[in-house]
N, C-alpha and C. Protein backbone atom coordinates (compact mmCIF):
# COMPACT_ATOMS: atom_id res chain seq x y z
N UNK A 1 -14.36 -6.29 3.55
CA UNK A 1 -13.89 -5.10 2.86
C UNK A 1 -12.81 -4.41 3.68
N UNK A 2 -11.76 -3.99 2.98
CA UNK A 2 -10.67 -3.25 3.62
C UNK A 2 -11.03 -1.77 3.70
N UNK A 3 -10.31 -1.05 4.53
CA UNK A 3 -10.48 0.40 4.62
C UNK A 3 -9.16 1.10 4.43
N UNK A 4 -9.21 2.30 3.90
CA UNK A 4 -7.99 3.11 3.73
C UNK A 4 -8.33 4.57 3.94
N UNK A 5 -7.49 5.24 4.69
CA UNK A 5 -7.62 6.68 4.90
C UNK A 5 -6.52 7.35 4.09
N UNK A 6 -6.92 8.25 3.20
CA UNK A 6 -5.99 8.90 2.29
C UNK A 6 -5.52 10.21 2.89
N UNK A 7 -4.25 10.26 3.23
CA UNK A 7 -3.69 11.43 3.93
C UNK A 7 -2.60 12.07 3.08
N UNK A 8 -2.88 12.28 1.82
CA UNK A 8 -1.90 12.90 0.93
C UNK A 8 -1.90 14.40 1.06
N UNK A 9 -1.09 15.04 0.23
CA UNK A 9 -1.05 16.49 0.22
C UNK A 9 0.02 17.03 1.15
N UNK A 10 0.54 18.20 0.78
CA UNK A 10 1.63 18.81 1.54
C UNK A 10 1.16 19.86 2.54
N UNK A 11 -0.15 20.11 2.59
CA UNK A 11 -0.72 21.08 3.54
C UNK A 11 -0.03 22.44 3.45
N UNK A 12 0.26 22.89 2.22
CA UNK A 12 0.98 24.15 2.05
C UNK A 12 0.21 25.33 2.64
N UNK A 13 -1.12 25.25 2.61
CA UNK A 13 -1.91 26.37 3.13
C UNK A 13 -1.88 26.42 4.65
N UNK A 14 -1.34 25.39 5.27
CA UNK A 14 -1.14 25.40 6.72
C UNK A 14 0.34 25.48 7.06
N UNK A 15 1.15 25.89 6.09
CA UNK A 15 2.58 25.97 6.33
C UNK A 15 3.22 24.63 6.59
N UNK A 16 2.63 23.57 6.01
CA UNK A 16 3.17 22.23 6.18
C UNK A 16 2.56 21.47 7.33
N UNK A 17 1.69 22.09 8.11
CA UNK A 17 1.04 21.40 9.23
C UNK A 17 0.00 20.42 8.70
N UNK A 18 0.08 19.15 9.03
CA UNK A 18 -0.86 18.16 8.49
C UNK A 18 -2.30 18.47 8.88
N UNK A 19 -3.13 18.68 7.88
CA UNK A 19 -4.49 19.17 8.15
C UNK A 19 -5.37 18.14 8.85
N UNK A 20 -5.13 16.85 8.62
CA UNK A 20 -5.94 15.84 9.30
C UNK A 20 -5.67 15.75 10.79
N UNK A 21 -4.58 16.38 11.24
CA UNK A 21 -4.26 16.37 12.67
C UNK A 21 -4.88 17.56 13.40
N UNK A 22 -5.57 18.41 12.65
CA UNK A 22 -6.26 19.54 13.27
C UNK A 22 -7.51 19.07 13.99
N UNK A 23 -7.93 19.82 15.00
CA UNK A 23 -9.12 19.47 15.78
C UNK A 23 -10.36 20.15 15.22
N UNK A 24 -11.44 19.39 15.20
CA UNK A 24 -12.77 19.93 14.95
C UNK A 24 -13.67 19.39 16.05
N UNK A 25 -14.30 20.26 16.77
CA UNK A 25 -15.13 19.81 17.88
C UNK A 25 -14.34 19.10 18.96
N UNK A 26 -13.06 19.47 19.12
CA UNK A 26 -12.25 18.90 20.19
C UNK A 26 -11.60 17.56 19.86
N UNK A 27 -11.74 17.07 18.62
CA UNK A 27 -11.10 15.81 18.22
C UNK A 27 -10.39 15.98 16.89
N UNK A 28 -9.30 15.26 16.72
CA UNK A 28 -8.59 15.34 15.44
C UNK A 28 -9.47 14.79 14.32
N UNK A 29 -9.39 15.44 13.18
CA UNK A 29 -10.16 14.98 12.02
C UNK A 29 -9.77 13.55 11.68
N UNK A 30 -8.48 13.25 11.69
CA UNK A 30 -8.02 11.90 11.39
C UNK A 30 -8.70 10.86 12.25
N UNK A 31 -8.80 11.13 13.55
CA UNK A 31 -9.40 10.16 14.46
C UNK A 31 -10.88 9.94 14.15
N UNK A 32 -11.56 11.00 13.76
CA UNK A 32 -12.97 10.88 13.38
C UNK A 32 -13.14 9.98 12.16
N UNK A 33 -12.28 10.20 11.16
CA UNK A 33 -12.37 9.43 9.92
C UNK A 33 -12.02 7.97 10.17
N UNK A 34 -10.94 7.72 10.91
CA UNK A 34 -10.54 6.35 11.22
C UNK A 34 -11.66 5.61 11.93
N UNK A 35 -12.30 6.26 12.88
CA UNK A 35 -13.38 5.63 13.65
C UNK A 35 -14.54 5.25 12.74
N UNK A 36 -14.91 6.14 11.83
CA UNK A 36 -16.04 5.87 10.93
C UNK A 36 -15.73 4.72 9.98
N UNK A 37 -14.52 4.71 9.43
CA UNK A 37 -14.15 3.64 8.49
C UNK A 37 -14.06 2.30 9.22
N UNK A 38 -13.43 2.28 10.36
CA UNK A 38 -13.26 1.03 11.11
C UNK A 38 -14.60 0.45 11.56
N UNK A 39 -15.56 1.31 11.84
CA UNK A 39 -16.88 0.84 12.25
C UNK A 39 -17.56 0.04 11.14
N UNK A 40 -17.22 0.36 9.89
CA UNK A 40 -17.83 -0.31 8.75
C UNK A 40 -17.04 -1.56 8.35
N UNK A 41 -15.72 -1.46 8.35
CA UNK A 41 -14.89 -2.58 7.88
C UNK A 41 -14.58 -3.58 8.97
N UNK A 42 -14.72 -3.17 10.23
CA UNK A 42 -14.45 -4.08 11.34
C UNK A 42 -12.98 -4.24 11.68
N UNK A 43 -12.14 -3.41 11.08
CA UNK A 43 -10.70 -3.47 11.33
C UNK A 43 -10.10 -2.10 11.12
N UNK A 44 -8.96 -1.81 11.73
CA UNK A 44 -8.32 -0.52 11.52
C UNK A 44 -7.97 -0.33 10.04
N UNK A 45 -8.20 0.85 9.50
CA UNK A 45 -7.87 1.08 8.09
C UNK A 45 -6.38 1.28 7.88
N UNK A 46 -5.97 1.11 6.65
CA UNK A 46 -4.63 1.46 6.23
C UNK A 46 -4.54 2.98 6.16
N UNK A 47 -3.42 3.54 6.57
CA UNK A 47 -3.20 4.98 6.46
C UNK A 47 -2.20 5.21 5.33
N UNK A 48 -2.62 5.92 4.30
CA UNK A 48 -1.76 6.19 3.16
C UNK A 48 -1.29 7.63 3.27
N UNK A 49 -0.01 7.80 3.56
CA UNK A 49 0.54 9.12 3.82
C UNK A 49 2.00 9.15 3.44
N UNK A 50 2.44 10.31 2.95
CA UNK A 50 3.82 10.44 2.49
C UNK A 50 4.72 11.22 3.45
N UNK A 51 4.14 11.81 4.48
CA UNK A 51 4.94 12.58 5.43
C UNK A 51 5.91 11.67 6.17
N UNK A 52 7.13 12.12 6.40
CA UNK A 52 8.13 11.28 7.08
C UNK A 52 7.69 10.80 8.46
N UNK A 53 6.89 11.61 9.16
CA UNK A 53 6.49 11.25 10.52
C UNK A 53 5.09 10.64 10.58
N UNK A 54 4.54 10.25 9.44
CA UNK A 54 3.15 9.78 9.39
C UNK A 54 2.92 8.56 10.28
N UNK A 55 3.95 7.73 10.44
CA UNK A 55 3.79 6.55 11.28
C UNK A 55 3.52 6.86 12.73
N UNK A 56 3.82 8.08 13.16
CA UNK A 56 3.59 8.47 14.55
C UNK A 56 2.20 9.06 14.78
N UNK A 57 1.45 9.29 13.70
CA UNK A 57 0.14 9.93 13.86
C UNK A 57 -0.86 9.01 14.55
N UNK A 58 -0.82 7.73 14.18
CA UNK A 58 -1.66 6.71 14.81
C UNK A 58 -0.84 5.43 14.84
N UNK A 59 -0.25 5.12 15.98
CA UNK A 59 0.64 3.96 16.07
C UNK A 59 -0.10 2.65 15.88
N UNK A 60 -1.43 2.67 15.97
CA UNK A 60 -2.20 1.45 15.81
C UNK A 60 -2.50 1.14 14.34
N UNK A 61 -2.15 2.05 13.44
CA UNK A 61 -2.44 1.85 12.02
C UNK A 61 -1.18 1.49 11.25
N UNK A 62 -1.34 0.69 10.21
CA UNK A 62 -0.26 0.45 9.27
C UNK A 62 -0.22 1.62 8.30
N UNK A 63 0.94 2.24 8.18
CA UNK A 63 1.09 3.42 7.33
C UNK A 63 2.01 3.11 6.17
N UNK A 64 1.56 3.45 4.95
CA UNK A 64 2.41 3.26 3.77
C UNK A 64 2.37 4.53 2.92
N UNK A 65 3.44 4.74 2.18
CA UNK A 65 3.50 5.89 1.28
C UNK A 65 2.91 5.51 -0.09
N UNK A 66 2.63 6.53 -0.89
CA UNK A 66 2.10 6.29 -2.22
C UNK A 66 3.00 5.36 -3.02
N UNK A 67 2.40 4.37 -3.67
CA UNK A 67 3.14 3.45 -4.52
C UNK A 67 3.65 4.16 -5.77
N UNK A 68 2.90 5.17 -6.20
CA UNK A 68 3.30 5.99 -7.35
C UNK A 68 3.31 7.44 -6.87
N UNK A 69 4.46 7.96 -6.46
CA UNK A 69 4.53 9.32 -5.90
C UNK A 69 4.12 10.39 -6.92
N UNK A 70 3.71 11.52 -6.37
CA UNK A 70 3.41 12.72 -7.16
C UNK A 70 2.26 12.53 -8.14
N UNK A 71 1.31 11.69 -7.77
CA UNK A 71 0.13 11.47 -8.62
C UNK A 71 -1.14 11.94 -7.95
N UNK A 72 -1.01 12.75 -6.91
CA UNK A 72 -2.18 13.36 -6.27
C UNK A 72 -3.13 12.35 -5.68
N UNK A 73 -4.41 12.74 -5.66
CA UNK A 73 -5.44 11.87 -5.07
C UNK A 73 -5.54 10.54 -5.79
N UNK A 74 -5.35 10.57 -7.11
CA UNK A 74 -5.42 9.33 -7.88
C UNK A 74 -4.35 8.35 -7.41
N UNK A 75 -3.17 8.87 -7.07
CA UNK A 75 -2.10 8.01 -6.56
C UNK A 75 -2.46 7.39 -5.23
N UNK A 76 -3.18 8.13 -4.39
CA UNK A 76 -3.63 7.58 -3.12
C UNK A 76 -4.65 6.48 -3.30
N UNK A 77 -5.59 6.69 -4.21
CA UNK A 77 -6.59 5.66 -4.50
C UNK A 77 -5.90 4.42 -5.05
N UNK A 78 -4.97 4.62 -5.97
CA UNK A 78 -4.24 3.50 -6.55
C UNK A 78 -3.50 2.71 -5.47
N UNK A 79 -2.84 3.40 -4.57
CA UNK A 79 -2.09 2.75 -3.51
C UNK A 79 -3.00 1.90 -2.64
N UNK A 80 -4.17 2.43 -2.32
CA UNK A 80 -5.13 1.68 -1.51
C UNK A 80 -5.59 0.42 -2.22
N UNK A 81 -5.89 0.54 -3.50
CA UNK A 81 -6.34 -0.62 -4.28
C UNK A 81 -5.24 -1.67 -4.37
N UNK A 82 -4.02 -1.22 -4.65
CA UNK A 82 -2.90 -2.13 -4.88
C UNK A 82 -2.36 -2.77 -3.61
N UNK A 83 -2.74 -2.25 -2.44
CA UNK A 83 -2.15 -2.71 -1.18
C UNK A 83 -2.72 -4.03 -0.67
N UNK A 84 -3.77 -4.54 -1.30
CA UNK A 84 -4.36 -5.78 -0.82
C UNK A 84 -5.37 -6.33 -1.80
N UNK A 85 -5.98 -7.43 -1.43
CA UNK A 85 -6.97 -8.06 -2.29
C UNK A 85 -8.38 -7.56 -1.95
N UNK A 86 -9.25 -7.63 -2.93
CA UNK A 86 -10.64 -7.28 -2.70
C UNK A 86 -10.87 -5.79 -2.70
N UNK A 87 -12.12 -5.38 -2.51
CA UNK A 87 -12.47 -3.95 -2.54
C UNK A 87 -11.96 -3.20 -1.32
N UNK A 88 -11.80 -1.90 -1.48
CA UNK A 88 -11.32 -1.06 -0.38
C UNK A 88 -12.17 0.19 -0.30
N UNK A 89 -12.59 0.51 0.91
CA UNK A 89 -13.33 1.74 1.19
C UNK A 89 -12.33 2.84 1.48
N UNK A 90 -12.29 3.85 0.61
CA UNK A 90 -11.32 4.94 0.73
C UNK A 90 -12.01 6.22 1.18
N UNK A 91 -11.42 6.88 2.16
CA UNK A 91 -11.95 8.16 2.64
C UNK A 91 -10.79 9.12 2.87
N UNK A 92 -10.94 10.35 2.40
CA UNK A 92 -9.92 11.37 2.64
C UNK A 92 -9.88 11.72 4.13
N UNK A 93 -8.70 12.04 4.60
CA UNK A 93 -8.52 12.25 6.04
C UNK A 93 -8.92 13.63 6.51
N UNK A 94 -9.38 14.48 5.60
CA UNK A 94 -9.74 15.84 5.99
C UNK A 94 -11.24 16.09 5.92
N UNK A 95 -12.04 15.03 6.05
CA UNK A 95 -13.51 15.13 6.02
C UNK A 95 -14.06 14.91 7.43
N UNK A 96 -14.20 15.95 8.22
CA UNK A 96 -14.59 15.76 9.63
C UNK A 96 -16.02 15.28 9.82
N UNK A 97 -16.88 15.40 8.80
CA UNK A 97 -18.29 15.07 8.99
C UNK A 97 -18.72 13.84 8.21
N UNK A 98 -17.76 13.05 7.73
CA UNK A 98 -18.14 11.83 7.02
C UNK A 98 -18.94 10.95 7.98
N UNK A 99 -19.99 10.31 7.47
CA UNK A 99 -20.96 9.62 8.32
C UNK A 99 -20.81 8.10 8.17
N UNK A 100 -20.76 7.43 9.30
CA UNK A 100 -20.65 5.97 9.29
C UNK A 100 -21.76 5.32 8.47
N UNK A 101 -22.97 5.85 8.59
CA UNK A 101 -24.09 5.29 7.84
C UNK A 101 -23.89 5.39 6.34
N UNK A 102 -23.35 6.51 5.90
CA UNK A 102 -23.06 6.69 4.48
C UNK A 102 -22.00 5.68 4.03
N UNK A 103 -20.94 5.52 4.83
CA UNK A 103 -19.89 4.57 4.47
C UNK A 103 -20.44 3.15 4.41
N UNK A 104 -21.34 2.83 5.31
CA UNK A 104 -21.95 1.50 5.30
C UNK A 104 -22.80 1.30 4.04
N UNK A 105 -23.53 2.34 3.65
CA UNK A 105 -24.34 2.26 2.43
C UNK A 105 -23.46 2.07 1.20
N UNK A 106 -22.31 2.71 1.18
CA UNK A 106 -21.37 2.53 0.07
C UNK A 106 -20.83 1.10 0.04
N UNK A 107 -20.48 0.58 1.21
CA UNK A 107 -19.96 -0.78 1.27
C UNK A 107 -21.00 -1.79 0.81
N UNK A 108 -22.23 -1.62 1.26
CA UNK A 108 -23.30 -2.54 0.91
C UNK A 108 -23.69 -2.43 -0.56
N UNK A 109 -23.65 -1.23 -1.10
CA UNK A 109 -24.08 -1.02 -2.47
C UNK A 109 -23.04 -1.32 -3.51
N UNK A 110 -21.82 -1.61 -3.08
CA UNK A 110 -20.71 -1.74 -4.03
C UNK A 110 -20.65 -3.08 -4.75
N UNK A 111 -21.39 -4.05 -4.26
CA UNK A 111 -21.35 -5.38 -4.89
C UNK A 111 -21.73 -5.28 -6.37
N UNK A 112 -20.92 -5.90 -7.22
CA UNK A 112 -21.20 -5.90 -8.65
C UNK A 112 -20.59 -4.74 -9.40
N UNK A 113 -19.94 -3.82 -8.69
CA UNK A 113 -19.33 -2.65 -9.33
C UNK A 113 -17.83 -2.66 -9.09
N UNK A 114 -17.09 -2.08 -10.04
CA UNK A 114 -15.65 -1.92 -9.85
C UNK A 114 -15.34 -0.69 -9.00
N UNK A 115 -16.17 0.31 -9.12
CA UNK A 115 -16.06 1.53 -8.31
C UNK A 115 -17.47 1.94 -7.93
N UNK A 116 -17.65 2.34 -6.68
CA UNK A 116 -18.98 2.74 -6.21
C UNK A 116 -18.83 4.03 -5.43
N UNK A 117 -19.45 5.10 -5.92
CA UNK A 117 -19.25 6.44 -5.38
C UNK A 117 -20.59 7.08 -5.01
N UNK A 118 -20.56 7.98 -4.05
CA UNK A 118 -21.78 8.73 -3.72
C UNK A 118 -21.95 9.91 -4.69
N UNK A 119 -23.18 10.13 -5.09
CA UNK A 119 -23.47 11.33 -5.89
C UNK A 119 -23.32 12.55 -4.99
N UNK A 120 -22.88 13.66 -5.57
CA UNK A 120 -22.69 14.88 -4.78
C UNK A 120 -23.11 16.09 -5.60
N UNK A 121 -23.09 17.24 -4.93
CA UNK A 121 -23.44 18.50 -5.60
C UNK A 121 -22.22 19.19 -6.18
N UNK A 122 -21.04 18.54 -6.11
CA UNK A 122 -19.84 19.23 -6.58
C UNK A 122 -19.73 19.19 -8.10
N UNK A 123 -18.69 19.81 -8.62
CA UNK A 123 -18.56 19.96 -10.08
C UNK A 123 -18.39 18.62 -10.79
N UNK A 124 -17.88 17.60 -10.09
CA UNK A 124 -17.70 16.29 -10.70
C UNK A 124 -18.97 15.46 -10.68
N UNK A 125 -19.89 15.84 -9.79
CA UNK A 125 -21.14 15.09 -9.68
C UNK A 125 -21.05 13.88 -8.77
N UNK A 126 -19.83 13.49 -8.39
CA UNK A 126 -19.61 12.39 -7.46
C UNK A 126 -18.47 12.78 -6.53
N UNK A 127 -18.31 12.01 -5.44
CA UNK A 127 -17.21 12.29 -4.51
C UNK A 127 -16.23 11.12 -4.53
N UNK A 128 -15.13 11.24 -5.29
CA UNK A 128 -14.19 10.12 -5.42
C UNK A 128 -13.33 9.85 -4.19
N UNK A 129 -13.32 10.77 -3.23
CA UNK A 129 -12.49 10.56 -2.04
C UNK A 129 -13.32 10.06 -0.85
N UNK A 130 -14.46 9.50 -1.18
CA UNK A 130 -15.31 8.81 -0.19
C UNK A 130 -16.04 7.74 -0.99
N UNK A 131 -15.36 6.63 -1.28
CA UNK A 131 -15.88 5.68 -2.26
C UNK A 131 -15.24 4.31 -2.06
N UNK A 132 -15.82 3.32 -2.74
CA UNK A 132 -15.30 1.95 -2.72
C UNK A 132 -14.70 1.64 -4.09
N UNK A 133 -13.49 1.07 -4.07
CA UNK A 133 -12.80 0.70 -5.30
C UNK A 133 -12.41 -0.76 -5.26
N UNK A 134 -12.67 -1.47 -6.37
CA UNK A 134 -12.35 -2.88 -6.46
C UNK A 134 -11.06 -3.14 -7.22
N UNK A 135 -10.64 -4.41 -7.27
CA UNK A 135 -9.37 -4.77 -7.90
C UNK A 135 -9.23 -4.34 -9.36
N UNK A 136 -10.33 -4.31 -10.09
CA UNK A 136 -10.26 -3.96 -11.52
C UNK A 136 -9.80 -2.52 -11.73
N UNK A 137 -9.89 -1.70 -10.69
CA UNK A 137 -9.46 -0.31 -10.82
C UNK A 137 -7.95 -0.18 -10.93
N UNK A 138 -7.23 -1.18 -10.46
CA UNK A 138 -5.76 -1.06 -10.43
C UNK A 138 -5.19 -0.82 -11.83
N UNK A 139 -5.48 -1.72 -12.76
CA UNK A 139 -4.94 -1.57 -14.11
C UNK A 139 -5.46 -0.33 -14.80
N UNK A 140 -6.74 -0.01 -14.56
CA UNK A 140 -7.33 1.17 -15.19
C UNK A 140 -6.64 2.44 -14.71
N UNK A 141 -6.35 2.52 -13.42
CA UNK A 141 -5.68 3.69 -12.87
C UNK A 141 -4.23 3.75 -13.38
N UNK A 142 -3.56 2.61 -13.42
CA UNK A 142 -2.19 2.59 -13.92
C UNK A 142 -2.10 3.18 -15.32
N UNK A 143 -3.04 2.79 -16.17
CA UNK A 143 -3.01 3.29 -17.55
C UNK A 143 -3.20 4.80 -17.59
N UNK A 144 -4.07 5.32 -16.76
CA UNK A 144 -4.29 6.77 -16.73
C UNK A 144 -3.08 7.51 -16.18
N UNK A 145 -2.47 6.98 -15.13
CA UNK A 145 -1.28 7.62 -14.58
C UNK A 145 -0.14 7.59 -15.59
N UNK A 146 0.01 6.46 -16.30
CA UNK A 146 1.05 6.36 -17.31
C UNK A 146 0.85 7.39 -18.42
N UNK A 147 -0.42 7.73 -18.67
CA UNK A 147 -0.73 8.72 -19.71
C UNK A 147 -0.68 10.15 -19.19
N UNK A 148 -0.44 10.30 -17.88
CA UNK A 148 -0.36 11.64 -17.29
C UNK A 148 -1.69 12.26 -16.95
N UNK A 149 -2.75 11.46 -16.97
CA UNK A 149 -4.09 11.96 -16.64
C UNK A 149 -4.35 11.63 -15.17
N UNK A 150 -4.21 12.64 -14.30
CA UNK A 150 -4.25 12.41 -12.86
C UNK A 150 -5.56 12.83 -12.19
N UNK A 151 -6.58 13.10 -12.97
CA UNK A 151 -7.88 13.42 -12.36
C UNK A 151 -8.37 12.21 -11.57
N UNK A 152 -8.98 12.47 -10.43
CA UNK A 152 -9.40 11.38 -9.55
C UNK A 152 -10.45 10.48 -10.18
N UNK A 153 -11.15 10.98 -11.19
CA UNK A 153 -12.16 10.16 -11.86
C UNK A 153 -11.73 9.80 -13.28
N UNK A 154 -10.46 9.98 -13.60
CA UNK A 154 -9.97 9.79 -14.97
C UNK A 154 -10.26 8.39 -15.51
N UNK A 155 -10.21 7.40 -14.65
CA UNK A 155 -10.31 6.00 -15.10
C UNK A 155 -11.74 5.47 -15.15
N UNK A 156 -12.70 6.27 -14.79
CA UNK A 156 -14.08 5.78 -14.66
C UNK A 156 -14.64 5.18 -15.94
N UNK A 157 -14.19 5.70 -17.07
CA UNK A 157 -14.69 5.16 -18.34
C UNK A 157 -14.19 3.77 -18.64
N UNK A 158 -13.22 3.30 -17.87
CA UNK A 158 -12.61 1.99 -18.13
C UNK A 158 -13.07 0.91 -17.17
N UNK A 159 -13.94 1.25 -16.23
CA UNK A 159 -14.43 0.27 -15.25
C UNK A 159 -15.95 0.43 -15.09
N UNK A 160 -16.55 -0.53 -14.39
CA UNK A 160 -17.99 -0.45 -14.10
C UNK A 160 -18.19 0.43 -12.87
N UNK A 161 -18.86 1.55 -13.06
CA UNK A 161 -19.04 2.53 -11.99
C UNK A 161 -20.50 2.56 -11.55
N UNK A 162 -20.73 2.38 -10.27
CA UNK A 162 -22.06 2.52 -9.68
C UNK A 162 -22.12 3.79 -8.85
N UNK A 163 -23.31 4.34 -8.72
CA UNK A 163 -23.51 5.60 -8.01
C UNK A 163 -24.57 5.43 -6.93
N UNK A 164 -24.26 5.86 -5.72
CA UNK A 164 -25.28 5.96 -4.67
C UNK A 164 -26.02 7.27 -4.91
N UNK A 165 -27.31 7.21 -5.24
CA UNK A 165 -28.04 8.42 -5.65
C UNK A 165 -28.09 9.48 -4.55
N UNK A 166 -28.19 10.72 -4.98
CA UNK A 166 -28.19 11.85 -4.05
C UNK A 166 -29.28 11.75 -2.99
N UNK A 167 -30.52 11.32 -3.31
CA UNK A 167 -31.51 11.18 -2.24
C UNK A 167 -31.07 10.21 -1.15
N UNK A 168 -30.35 9.15 -1.55
CA UNK A 168 -29.84 8.20 -0.55
C UNK A 168 -28.73 8.84 0.28
N UNK A 169 -27.86 9.59 -0.38
CA UNK A 169 -26.79 10.29 0.33
C UNK A 169 -27.38 11.24 1.36
N UNK A 170 -28.44 11.94 0.99
CA UNK A 170 -29.05 12.95 1.87
C UNK A 170 -29.70 12.34 3.10
N UNK A 171 -29.92 11.05 3.11
CA UNK A 171 -30.43 10.39 4.31
C UNK A 171 -29.47 10.56 5.47
N UNK A 172 -28.20 10.80 5.16
CA UNK A 172 -27.17 10.87 6.19
C UNK A 172 -26.71 12.30 6.47
N UNK A 173 -27.27 13.26 5.77
CA UNK A 173 -26.91 14.64 6.00
C UNK A 173 -26.81 15.43 4.71
N UNK A 174 -26.53 16.69 4.84
CA UNK A 174 -26.32 17.58 3.71
C UNK A 174 -25.00 17.20 3.04
N UNK A 175 -25.00 16.89 1.73
CA UNK A 175 -23.74 16.53 1.07
C UNK A 175 -22.65 17.58 1.23
N UNK A 176 -23.03 18.86 1.32
CA UNK A 176 -22.03 19.90 1.52
C UNK A 176 -21.29 19.72 2.84
N UNK A 177 -21.97 19.17 3.83
CA UNK A 177 -21.32 18.88 5.11
C UNK A 177 -20.60 17.53 5.07
N UNK A 178 -21.28 16.50 4.56
CA UNK A 178 -20.71 15.16 4.55
C UNK A 178 -19.36 15.11 3.86
N UNK A 179 -19.25 15.84 2.74
CA UNK A 179 -18.03 15.79 1.94
C UNK A 179 -17.16 17.03 2.11
N UNK A 180 -17.49 17.83 3.12
CA UNK A 180 -16.70 19.04 3.37
C UNK A 180 -15.29 18.66 3.79
N UNK A 181 -14.30 19.25 3.12
CA UNK A 181 -12.93 18.96 3.52
C UNK A 181 -12.21 20.24 3.94
N UNK A 182 -11.34 20.08 4.90
CA UNK A 182 -10.65 21.20 5.51
C UNK A 182 -9.33 21.42 4.77
N UNK A 183 -9.31 22.43 3.91
CA UNK A 183 -8.11 22.71 3.13
C UNK A 183 -7.39 23.98 3.55
N UNK A 184 -8.12 24.90 4.18
CA UNK A 184 -7.55 26.20 4.54
C UNK A 184 -7.95 26.54 5.98
N UNK A 185 -7.28 27.52 6.58
CA UNK A 185 -7.70 27.96 7.91
C UNK A 185 -9.16 28.43 7.93
N UNK A 186 -9.61 29.03 6.83
CA UNK A 186 -11.01 29.47 6.76
C UNK A 186 -11.95 28.27 6.79
N UNK A 187 -11.53 27.18 6.13
CA UNK A 187 -12.33 25.96 6.16
C UNK A 187 -12.44 25.41 7.58
N UNK A 188 -11.34 25.50 8.32
CA UNK A 188 -11.35 25.00 9.69
C UNK A 188 -12.33 25.81 10.53
N UNK A 189 -12.35 27.12 10.34
CA UNK A 189 -13.31 27.96 11.06
C UNK A 189 -14.73 27.57 10.70
N UNK A 190 -14.96 27.33 9.42
CA UNK A 190 -16.30 26.94 8.99
C UNK A 190 -16.69 25.59 9.57
N UNK A 191 -15.72 24.67 9.63
CA UNK A 191 -16.01 23.35 10.19
C UNK A 191 -16.45 23.46 11.65
N UNK A 192 -15.83 24.36 12.40
CA UNK A 192 -16.24 24.54 13.80
C UNK A 192 -17.67 25.08 13.88
N UNK A 193 -18.01 25.98 12.97
CA UNK A 193 -19.38 26.51 12.94
C UNK A 193 -20.36 25.39 12.63
N UNK A 194 -20.03 24.56 11.64
CA UNK A 194 -20.90 23.44 11.28
C UNK A 194 -21.02 22.47 12.46
N UNK A 195 -19.90 22.21 13.13
CA UNK A 195 -19.93 21.29 14.26
C UNK A 195 -20.88 21.80 15.37
N UNK A 196 -20.78 23.08 15.67
CA UNK A 196 -21.67 23.64 16.70
C UNK A 196 -23.14 23.59 16.25
N UNK A 197 -23.36 23.85 14.98
CA UNK A 197 -24.74 23.82 14.46
C UNK A 197 -25.32 22.42 14.55
N UNK A 198 -24.49 21.43 14.28
CA UNK A 198 -24.94 20.04 14.31
C UNK A 198 -25.11 19.50 15.73
N UNK A 199 -24.53 20.24 16.69
CA UNK A 199 -24.66 19.84 18.08
C UNK A 199 -23.78 18.65 18.44
């Protein structure tokens, strides 16, 4: 299985400062995510990022821009799927508490599914930016993007979707922490509080 770290977004709430390069607990969020993904896939993940200097963030990673620009998170997922053969484990680069065990459970549980996502407490009921996507998702996502439907789960009705149940997700931590993403300075402050609480 391949891995991909999705580093999209313009970080407007940080004045353009790339949020995955911020530190939580003394380490960059990006480095934490890369380490967790690589531990599961056995190889450095692809870094999908549109910033001009993205190639300098981790010189050991292959960095590519979105294949379909201006399509948000869905464009990042599409780029990861289209960049190679077989399934790809995708994780957003602003999740400082993503757990290697959870990623391994997603990789192991994805067999037989076109998309395999963890159940969550969020409004969508699943977390599409911490999931496994197979080759069949490529055409399904293309059709949704062509229609202007850019929701990250827009294509789910067109593929076989499996779900890692919430009780299984909770084996690795509180979903609010596992899928917490740093979008604002306030989020970064909260992440430090969570980090100290977790020890």
